[in-house]
Amino acid sequence: MAPSFWQIAIVAVLVVLLFGRGKISGLMGDVAKGIKSFKKGMADDPQEVAKKDDEGKGAIDVTPAEKKDA
């Protein structure tokens, strides 16, 4: 049994009442930014990324120093 038009309309109205238009539009904007970022990341050439890593400082040691107790 598929939902009817009225059932979908009632659910849509409840969602807008609960979350408000501002939150929904903000959420859709964040989703769009995420999709664009993902597509950009997928389009990057892996060889270019490796070349940029070689030109940089390389790996940075972020291990916390050991505390010496007296």
C-alpha atoms as a PDB file:
ATOM      1  CA  MET A   1       0.000   0.000   0.000  1.00  0.00           C
ATOM      2  CA  ALA A   2       1.584   3.248  -1.184  1.00  0.00           C
ATOM      3  CA  PRO A   3       1.106   6.484   0.767  1.00  0.00           C
ATOM      4  CA  SER A   4      -1.485   8.821  -0.703  1.00  0.00           C
ATOM      5  CA  PHE A   5      -0.963  12.461  -1.603  1.00  0.00           C
ATOM      6  CA  TRP A   6      -2.704  13.616   1.600  1.00  0.00           C
ATOM      7  CA  GLN A   7      -0.501  11.469   3.812  1.00  0.00           C
ATOM      8  CA  ILE A   8       2.642  12.887   2.207  1.00  0.00           C
ATOM      9  CA  ALA A   9       1.259  16.439   2.486  1.00  0.00           C
ATOM     10  CA  ILE A  10       0.478  16.003   6.191  1.00  0.00           C
ATOM     11  CA  VAL A  11       3.971  14.660   6.902  1.00  0.00           C
ATOM     12  CA  ALA A  12       5.536  17.563   4.949  1.00  0.00           C
ATOM     13  CA  VAL A  13       3.487  20.123   6.922  1.00  0.00           C
ATOM     14  CA  LEU A  14       4.480  18.499  10.226  1.00  0.00           C
ATOM     15  CA  VAL A  15       8.164  18.544   9.271  1.00  0.00           C
ATOM     16  CA  VAL A  16       7.999  22.240   8.367  1.00  0.00           C
ATOM     17  CA  LEU A  17       6.158  23.040  11.611  1.00  0.00           C
ATOM     18  CA  LEU A  18       8.640  21.098  13.753  1.00  0.00           C
ATOM     19  CA  PHE A  19      11.880  22.233  12.158  1.00  0.00           C
ATOM     20  CA  GLY A  20      10.953  25.525  10.513  1.00  0.00           C
ATOM     21  CA  ARG A  21      11.951  26.663   7.060  1.00  0.00           C
ATOM     22  CA  GLY A  22      15.256  28.152   8.240  1.00  0.00           C
ATOM     23  CA  LYS A  23      16.654  24.916   9.618  1.00  0.00           C
ATOM     24  CA  ILE A  24      15.551  22.906   6.591  1.00  0.00           C
ATOM     25  CA  SER A  25      17.101  25.337   4.106  1.00  0.00           C
ATOM     26  CA  GLY A  26      20.296  25.516   6.184  1.00  0.00           C
ATOM     27  CA  LEU A  27      20.479  21.731   6.282  1.00  0.00           C
ATOM     28  CA  MET A  28      20.006  21.498   2.509  1.00  0.00           C
ATOM     29  CA  GLY A  29      22.780  24.080   2.036  1.00  0.00           C
ATOM     30  CA  ASP A  30      25.125  22.016   4.201  1.00  0.00           C
ATOM     31  CA  VAL A  31      24.258  18.876   2.235  1.00  0.00           C
ATOM     32  CA  ALA A  32      24.982  20.691  -1.036  1.00  0.00           C
ATOM     33  CA  LYS A  33      28.367  21.894   0.266  1.00  0.00           C
ATOM     34  CA  GLY A  34      29.210  18.351   1.316  1.00  0.00           C
ATOM     35  CA  ILE A  35      28.328  16.962  -2.101  1.00  0.00           C
ATOM     36  CA  LYS A  36      30.416  19.623  -3.862  1.00  0.00           C
ATOM     37  CA  SER A  37      33.367  18.920  -1.572  1.00  0.00           C
ATOM     38  CA  PHE A  38      33.052  15.173  -2.194  1.00  0.00           C
ATOM     39  CA  LYS A  39      32.942  15.649  -5.969  1.00  0.00           C
ATOM     40  CA  LYS A  40      35.980  17.945  -5.807  1.00  0.00           C
ATOM     41  CA  GLY A  41      37.854  15.358  -3.751  1.00  0.00           C
ATOM     42  CA  MET A  42      36.976  12.608  -6.203  1.00  0.00           C
ATOM     43  CA  ALA A  43      38.090  14.760  -9.153  1.00  0.00           C
ATOM     44  CA  ASP A  44      41.551  15.427  -7.659  1.00  0.00           C
ATOM     45  CA  ASP A  45      44.314  13.569  -9.435  1.00  0.00           C
ATOM     46  CA  PRO A  46      46.024  11.178  -6.963  1.00  0.00           C
ATOM     47  CA  GLN A  47      49.440  11.918  -8.515  1.00  0.00           C
ATOM     48  CA  GLU A  48      48.912  15.645  -7.923  1.00  0.00           C
ATOM     49  CA  VAL A  49      48.067  15.008  -4.298  1.00  0.00           C
ATOM     50  CA  ALA A  50      51.215  12.874  -3.856  1.00  0.00           C
ATOM     51  CA  LYS A  51      53.332  15.582  -5.511  1.00  0.00           C
ATOM     52  CA  LYS A  52      51.940  18.221  -3.143  1.00  0.00           C
ATOM     53  CA  ASP A  53      52.774  15.963  -0.182  1.00  0.00           C
ATOM     54  CA  ASP A  54      56.374  15.585  -1.400  1.00  0.00           C
ATOM     55  CA  GLU A  55      56.791  19.358  -1.743  1.00  0.00           C
ATOM     56  CA  GLY A  56      55.465  20.003   1.755  1.00  0.00           C
ATOM     57  CA  LYS A  57      57.175  19.506   5.063  1.00  0.00           C
ATOM     58  CA  GLY A  58      56.337  15.827   5.089  1.00  0.00           C
ATOM     59  CA  ALA A  59      54.995  14.027   8.106  1.00  0.00           C
ATOM     60  CA  ILE A  60      54.713  15.973  11.325  1.00  0.00           C
ATOM     61  CA  ASP A  61      55.184  14.153  14.621  1.00  0.00           C
ATOM     62  CA  VAL A  62      52.255  15.028  16.854  1.00  0.00           C
ATOM     63  CA  THR A  63      53.009  12.482  19.567  1.00  0.00           C
ATOM     64  CA  PRO A  64      52.808  14.167  22.977  1.00  0.00           C
ATOM     65  CA  ALA A  65      56.098  14.337  24.856  1.00  0.00           C
ATOM     66  CA  GLU A  66      56.412  12.100  27.894  1.00  0.00           C
ATOM     67  CA  LYS A  67      56.251  13.823  31.250  1.00  0.00           C
ATOM     68  CA  LYS A  68      59.249  13.213  33.491  1.00  0.00           C
ATOM     69  CA  ASP A  69      58.348  12.999  37.160  1.00  0.00           C
ATOM     70  CA  ALA A  70      61.050  14.041  39.658  1.00  0.00           C
END
